[in-house]
Amino acid sequence: MLLRSFTGRTLPEAMDKVRAALGEEAIILSTQDDDGEGVKVTAAIESAADDGAAPEALYGELQQADRIAAVLDHHRVPRGLADRLLNTASSLLIDDWVMALAAALDHELGFQPLAEVGSDRPLMLVGPSGAGKSVTAAKLCACARLAGASSLLVTMDADKAGGRAQAEAFAEALGARLICAAGPEAVAEAVRERKPDEMAVIDTIGSNPFDEVELRELGDTAEAAGARLAVVLSAGGDPAEAADAGLAYGELGATALIPTRLDAARRFGGVMAAAHAGGLSFLAAGVSRHIGAGLVPANPVSLARLLSTCEPFEPTTLMAAE
């Protein structure tokens, strides 16, 4: 017997999904409220070994869907997003379930090439305190250096304990120009004076995504500097909290997400929830504390492989799909 669960806003909606996927012969095993998000129906069909009546392809599709559902559940992906991913993956004629998941991720979430970060427009990093913005800014400068480009590091976080010394150490090691600036006008002046071929990265002070005053100050700075916003968020956080933060930064105008500390987390539903709720595209991923090799591109295949392992993180999981 093969089992599968379906959710819907109402019981009739969930039952329609059962019939569409399993047919009229499906056996309803249970119905229950789905944590206030609707109704969850668990249904089953007899396996092919029992009666040989159902098409073999149907069982293959169900087994594939079950594997994807188990992965999404392991990572605590929010129910609404998990259903969308599962439904999209199930509708695709792809035998490899990891590639089906990758196609679903590509359909439901956004991805931006890291190579799009260039000298044409400053990139301003925003996010909660401790998310890794300063280290991520240094990693972006390291990427520029490896690509043979020059970079300008503008830090608004020099007043924290050790902030200036850290920024100076990063800039010296990476051959980046460093400017310490406080306030929208100072940041705008710094990026206006950058060289034509210089990539500018703005490292901001840690912010509370639920503080309107702090968000307004970030918005004023981004507008004055003409910068695009990228959210830096640690992996492993609560999906609901991450979704709320992603939504807040998305409403501020952020378009990209750089999850950090993937090597120190085991579940990635939080960063997926933040990306989905805020309309944020994955730009890169922080996979190590080391500056020179700690930032890698993110794409649907690498994310699907990362999710599919459900094991301790290995950097090669992401790097293999660059």
Protein backbone atom coordinates (compact mmCIF):
# COMPACT_ATOMS: atom_id res chain seq x y z
CA MET A 1 0.00 0.00 0.00
CA LEU A 2 1.32 3.44 -0.97
CA LEU A 3 0.45 6.45 1.19
CA ARG A 4 0.33 10.12 0.32
CA SER A 5 -0.98 13.24 2.05
CA PHE A 6 -2.79 16.15 0.39
CA THR A 7 -3.71 19.55 1.77
CA GLY A 8 -6.30 22.11 0.75
CA ARG A 9 -8.01 25.17 2.15
CA THR A 10 -11.19 23.10 2.41
CA LEU A 11 -11.99 19.39 2.53
CA PRO A 12 -13.51 19.35 -1.01
CA GLU A 13 -10.36 20.99 -2.37
CA ALA A 14 -8.14 18.40 -0.69
CA MET A 15 -10.38 15.58 -1.96
CA ASP A 16 -10.13 16.91 -5.51
CA LYS A 17 -6.34 16.63 -5.22
CA VAL A 18 -6.67 13.06 -3.96
CA ARG A 19 -8.83 12.00 -6.91
CA ALA A 20 -6.64 13.80 -9.44
CA ALA A 21 -3.49 12.06 -8.20
CA LEU A 22 -4.73 8.64 -7.06
CA GLY A 23 -8.01 8.13 -8.87
CA GLU A 24 -11.40 7.05 -7.61
CA GLU A 25 -9.99 3.88 -6.04
CA ALA A 26 -8.04 5.80 -3.41
CA ILE A 27 -8.72 4.82 0.20
CA ILE A 28 -9.13 7.74 2.61
CA LEU A 29 -7.27 6.92 5.82
CA SER A 30 -7.66 10.17 7.75
CA THR A 31 -8.67 13.82 7.60
CA GLN A 32 -7.42 16.48 10.01
CA ASP A 33 -6.90 20.19 10.45
CA ASP A 34 -3.51 21.25 9.10
CA ASP A 35 -2.25 23.64 11.81
CA GLY A 36 -4.80 26.27 10.88
CA GLU A 37 -3.76 26.29 7.21
CA GLY A 38 -6.61 24.11 5.94
CA VAL A 39 -7.34 20.40 5.83
CA LYS A 40 -4.93 17.50 5.43
CA VAL A 41 -6.16 14.23 3.91
CA THR A 42 -4.09 11.06 3.99
CA ALA A 43 -5.01 8.56 1.29
CA ALA A 44 -3.64 5.30 -0.06
CA ILE A 45 -3.84 2.94 -3.00
CA GLU A 46 -3.04 -0.74 -3.05
CA SER A 47 0.42 -1.49 -4.40
CA ALA A 48 0.91 -3.12 -7.76
CA ALA A 49 2.11 -6.27 -6.02
CA ASP A 50 -1.33 -6.60 -4.42
CA ASP A 51 -3.58 -6.54 -7.47
CA GLY A 52 -1.56 -5.47 -10.51
CA ALA A 53 -4.41 -3.23 -11.58
CA ALA A 54 -2.87 0.24 -11.44
CA PRO A 55 -0.34 1.47 -14.01
CA GLU A 56 3.28 1.00 -13.01
CA ALA A 57 4.04 4.62 -13.93
CA LEU A 58 1.59 5.84 -11.31
CA TYR A 59 3.47 4.06 -8.54
CA GLY A 60 6.75 5.50 -9.77
CA GLU A 61 5.27 8.98 -9.67
CA LEU A 62 3.89 8.44 -6.18
CA GLN A 63 7.19 7.11 -4.87
CA GLN A 64 8.96 10.13 -6.37
CA ALA A 65 6.43 12.48 -4.79
CA ASP A 66 6.82 10.73 -1.44
CA ARG A 67 10.60 11.20 -1.51
CA ILE A 68 10.25 14.90 -2.29
CA ALA A 69 7.59 15.31 0.39
CA ALA A 70 9.86 13.61 2.95
CA VAL A 71 12.74 15.94 2.06
CA LEU A 72 10.60 19.06 2.33
CA ASP A 73 9.21 17.87 5.65
CA HIS A 74 12.72 17.19 6.96
CA HIS A 75 13.76 20.75 6.20
CA ARG A 76 10.56 22.16 7.76
CA VAL A 77 9.53 23.91 4.55
CA PRO A 78 6.25 25.76 5.26
CA ARG A 79 3.19 23.82 4.19
CA GLY A 80 2.02 26.24 1.50
CA LEU A 81 5.40 26.38 -0.24
CA ALA A 82 5.91 22.62 0.17
CA ASP A 83 2.57 21.93 -1.51
CA ARG A 84 3.43 24.20 -4.42
CA LEU A 85 6.80 22.54 -4.88
CA LEU A 86 5.35 19.06 -4.60
CA ASN A 87 2.51 19.75 -7.02
CA THR A 88 4.89 21.29 -9.56
CA ALA A 89 7.38 18.42 -9.27
CA SER A 90 4.60 15.84 -9.58
CA SER A 91 3.33 17.40 -12.80
CA LEU A 92 6.70 17.03 -14.54
CA LEU A 93 7.68 13.99 -16.60
CA ILE A 94 11.13 13.68 -15.03
CA ASP A 95 12.36 10.30 -13.79
CA ASP A 96 15.07 11.69 -11.49
CA TRP A 97 13.31 12.99 -8.38
CA VAL A 98 16.17 15.37 -7.51
CA MET A 99 15.94 16.95 -10.96
CA ALA A 100 12.16 17.14 -10.58
CA LEU A 101 12.68 18.98 -7.29
CA ALA A 102 15.20 21.28 -8.99
CA ALA A 103 12.69 22.11 -11.72
CA ALA A 104 10.05 22.85 -9.08
CA LEU A 105 12.47 25.10 -7.18
CA ASP A 106 13.25 26.95 -10.41
CA HIS A 107 9.51 27.43 -10.99
CA GLU A 108 8.59 28.60 -7.49
CA LEU A 109 11.72 30.49 -6.36
CA GLY A 110 14.08 32.97 -7.99
CA PHE A 111 17.78 32.63 -8.71
CA GLN A 112 20.27 35.27 -9.87
CA PRO A 113 23.77 34.64 -11.23
CA LEU A 114 26.47 35.87 -8.87
CA ALA A 115 28.20 37.30 -11.94
CA GLU A 116 25.44 39.94 -12.14
CA VAL A 117 27.06 41.74 -9.20
CA GLY A 118 29.26 44.28 -10.98
CA SER A 119 30.37 47.87 -11.13
CA ASP A 120 27.17 49.25 -12.63
CA ARG A 121 25.24 49.45 -9.34
CA PRO A 122 26.26 49.18 -5.66
CA LEU A 123 25.11 46.15 -3.70
CA MET A 124 23.90 46.96 -0.20
CA LEU A 125 23.77 44.11 2.33
CA VAL A 126 21.01 44.21 4.94
CA GLY A 127 19.90 41.77 7.61
CA PRO A 128 19.67 41.06 11.33
CA SER A 129 22.66 41.42 13.61
CA GLY A 130 24.96 38.43 13.52
CA ALA A 131 23.80 37.17 10.14
CA GLY A 132 27.25 37.57 8.63
CA LYS A 133 26.97 40.76 6.57
CA SER A 134 30.55 41.96 7.14
CA VAL A 135 32.04 38.59 6.28
CA THR A 136 29.75 38.29 3.25
CA ALA A 137 30.84 41.74 2.05
CA ALA A 138 34.47 40.60 2.31
CA LYS A 139 33.65 37.40 0.41
CA LEU A 140 32.07 39.44 -2.40
CA CYS A 141 35.25 41.52 -2.61
CA ALA A 142 37.23 38.27 -2.73
CA CYS A 143 35.05 37.09 -5.63
CA ALA A 144 35.77 40.36 -7.45
CA ARG A 145 39.50 39.95 -6.92
CA LEU A 146 39.44 36.37 -8.22
CA ALA A 147 37.62 37.65 -11.31
CA GLY A 148 40.33 40.27 -11.85
CA ALA A 149 38.08 43.19 -10.84
CA SER A 150 38.59 45.91 -8.24
CA SER A 151 36.22 46.56 -5.37
CA LEU A 152 35.14 49.27 -2.97
CA LEU A 153 34.02 48.26 0.51
CA VAL A 154 31.81 50.85 2.19
CA THR A 155 31.12 50.00 5.81
CA MET A 156 28.48 51.60 7.99
CA ASP A 157 29.40 49.23 10.81
CA ALA A 158 32.78 50.67 11.82
CA ASP A 159 31.54 51.91 15.21
CA LYS A 160 30.86 48.46 16.63
CA ALA A 161 33.55 46.90 18.81
CA GLY A 162 36.38 45.92 16.50
CA GLY A 163 34.36 46.90 13.44
CA ARG A 164 36.86 49.31 11.91
CA ALA A 165 39.82 47.01 12.56
CA GLN A 166 37.98 44.08 10.99
CA ALA A 167 37.03 46.08 7.90
CA GLU A 168 40.59 47.36 7.51
CA ALA A 169 41.97 43.84 7.78
CA PHE A 170 39.54 42.55 5.17
CA ALA A 171 40.22 45.43 2.78
CA GLU A 172 44.00 45.12 3.08
CA ALA A 173 43.97 41.36 2.52
CA LEU A 174 41.66 41.62 -0.48
CA GLY A 175 43.14 44.70 -2.10
CA ALA A 176 39.85 46.56 -1.75
CA ARG A 177 39.44 50.28 -1.10
CA LEU A 178 37.74 50.95 2.21
CA ILE A 179 35.52 53.88 3.16
CA CYS A 180 33.80 54.18 6.54
CA ALA A 181 30.55 56.08 6.18
CA ALA A 182 27.63 56.88 8.46
CA GLY A 183 24.29 57.99 7.11
CA PRO A 184 22.72 58.17 3.66
CA GLU A 185 24.64 61.24 2.46
CA ALA A 186 28.05 59.85 3.38
CA VAL A 187 27.32 56.50 1.74
CA ALA A 188 25.99 58.19 -1.40
CA GLU A 189 29.11 60.34 -1.66
CA ALA A 190 31.35 57.28 -1.24
CA VAL A 191 29.73 55.31 -4.06
CA ARG A 192 29.55 58.35 -6.35
CA GLU A 193 33.32 58.66 -6.16
CA ARG A 194 34.02 55.01 -6.99
CA LYS A 195 36.10 54.23 -10.05
CA PRO A 196 34.26 53.24 -13.26
CA ASP A 197 35.33 49.58 -13.01
CA GLU A 198 35.00 49.30 -9.23
CA MET A 199 32.39 47.01 -7.68
CA ALA A 200 30.88 48.69 -4.61
CA VAL A 201 29.61 46.66 -1.65
CA ILE A 202 27.89 48.45 1.24
CA ASP A 203 27.98 46.72 4.63
CA THR A 204 25.21 48.02 6.88
CA ILE A 205 24.58 47.86 10.60
CA GLY A 206 22.50 44.91 11.81
CA SER A 207 18.82 45.79 11.64
CA ASN A 208 15.55 44.69 13.18
CA PRO A 209 13.25 43.76 10.29
CA PHE A 210 10.24 44.67 12.41
CA ASP A 211 11.43 48.16 13.37
CA GLU A 212 9.92 50.69 10.96
CA VAL A 213 12.42 53.40 11.90
CA GLU A 214 15.43 51.20 11.18
CA LEU A 215 13.94 50.01 7.89
CA ARG A 216 13.20 53.58 6.86
CA GLU A 217 16.84 54.54 7.49
CA LEU A 218 18.00 51.61 5.35
CA GLY A 219 15.60 52.59 2.61
CA ASP A 220 16.84 56.19 2.64
CA THR A 221 20.44 54.98 2.40
CA ALA A 222 19.70 52.63 -0.48
CA GLU A 223 17.84 55.34 -2.36
CA ALA A 224 20.58 57.91 -1.85
CA ALA A 225 23.26 55.46 -3.00
CA GLY A 226 21.23 54.03 -5.86
CA ALA A 227 21.94 50.58 -4.47
CA ARG A 228 20.18 47.27 -4.88
CA LEU A 229 19.41 45.44 -1.64
CA ALA A 230 20.44 41.89 -0.79
CA VAL A 231 19.33 40.22 2.44
CA VAL A 232 21.92 38.26 4.41
CA LEU A 233 20.24 35.65 6.60
CA SER A 234 21.63 32.76 8.61
CA ALA A 235 20.41 29.28 7.73
CA GLY A 236 18.79 27.08 10.34
CA GLY A 237 16.33 29.61 11.74
CA ASP A 238 12.64 29.14 12.42
CA PRO A 239 10.79 29.15 9.05
CA ALA A 240 7.95 31.35 10.27
CA GLU A 241 10.31 33.97 11.71
CA ALA A 242 12.46 33.83 8.58
CA ALA A 243 9.41 34.29 6.37
CA ASP A 244 8.35 37.37 8.34
CA ALA A 245 11.86 38.82 8.06
CA GLY A 246 12.03 38.06 4.34
CA LEU A 247 8.68 39.73 3.79
CA ALA A 248 9.75 42.84 5.72
CA TYR A 249 12.98 43.23 3.75
CA GLY A 250 11.16 42.45 0.51
CA GLU A 251 8.72 45.26 1.19
CA LEU A 252 11.73 47.50 1.80
CA GLY A 253 12.86 46.78 -1.77
CA ALA A 254 15.29 43.89 -1.38
CA THR A 255 15.42 41.57 -4.38
CA ALA A 256 18.16 39.08 -3.50
CA LEU A 257 19.02 36.68 -0.69
CA ILE A 258 22.40 35.37 0.46
CA PRO A 259 21.93 32.62 3.07
CA THR A 260 24.93 32.11 5.33
CA ARG A 261 26.30 29.40 7.62
CA LEU A 262 24.96 26.55 5.52
CA ASP A 263 27.81 24.48 6.91
CA ALA A 264 26.48 24.99 10.45
CA ALA A 265 22.81 24.16 9.75
CA ARG A 266 20.93 20.95 9.02
CA ARG A 267 17.58 22.30 7.91
CA PHE A 268 17.06 24.98 5.28
CA GLY A 269 13.31 25.58 5.32
CA GLY A 270 13.90 28.98 6.93
CA VAL A 271 15.90 30.47 4.08
CA MET A 272 13.45 29.00 1.55
CA ALA A 273 10.55 30.55 3.47
CA ALA A 274 12.31 33.93 3.54
CA ALA A 275 12.96 33.83 -0.21
CA HIS A 276 9.39 32.83 -1.03
CA ALA A 277 7.67 35.29 1.32
CA GLY A 278 9.87 38.24 0.35
CA GLY A 279 10.09 37.54 -3.37
CA LEU A 280 13.87 37.28 -2.97
CA SER A 281 16.09 35.52 -5.51
CA PHE A 282 18.98 33.38 -4.29
CA LEU A 283 22.19 35.18 -5.28
CA ALA A 284 24.87 33.11 -3.52
CA ALA A 285 25.37 31.01 -0.41
CA GLY A 286 27.86 31.25 2.44
CA VAL A 287 29.28 27.79 3.05
CA SER A 288 32.38 28.44 5.15
CA ARG A 289 33.92 30.95 7.53
CA HIS A 290 36.91 31.22 5.18
CA ILE A 291 36.84 34.43 3.15
CA GLY A 292 38.57 33.16 0.02
CA ALA A 293 36.36 30.15 -0.67
CA GLY A 294 33.30 30.68 1.46
CA LEU A 295 30.81 32.03 -1.06
CA VAL A 296 29.41 29.97 -3.93
CA PRO A 297 26.69 30.58 -6.53
CA ALA A 298 23.24 29.15 -5.86
CA ASN A 299 21.03 27.62 -8.53
CA PRO A 300 18.04 25.24 -8.59
CA VAL A 301 20.12 22.10 -9.10
CA SER A 302 22.61 22.87 -6.33
CA LEU A 303 19.78 23.74 -3.92
CA ALA A 304 17.90 20.53 -4.79
CA ARG A 305 21.03 18.47 -4.17
CA LEU A 306 21.62 20.25 -0.88
CA LEU A 307 18.05 19.55 0.26
CA SER A 308 18.05 15.95 -0.96
CA THR A 309 20.96 14.78 1.17
CA CYS A 310 19.27 15.36 4.56
CA GLU A 311 22.77 14.76 5.91
CA PRO A 312 25.53 16.90 7.45
CA PHE A 313 26.53 19.62 5.01
CA GLU A 314 29.29 19.07 2.47
CA PRO A 315 30.47 22.09 0.44
CA THR A 316 30.77 19.93 -2.69
CA THR A 317 26.98 19.52 -2.64
CA LEU A 318 26.60 23.11 -3.82
CA MET A 319 29.80 23.46 -5.77
CA ALA A 320 29.10 20.44 -7.96
CA ALA A 321 26.30 22.25 -9.76
CA GLU A 322 28.01 25.58 -10.43
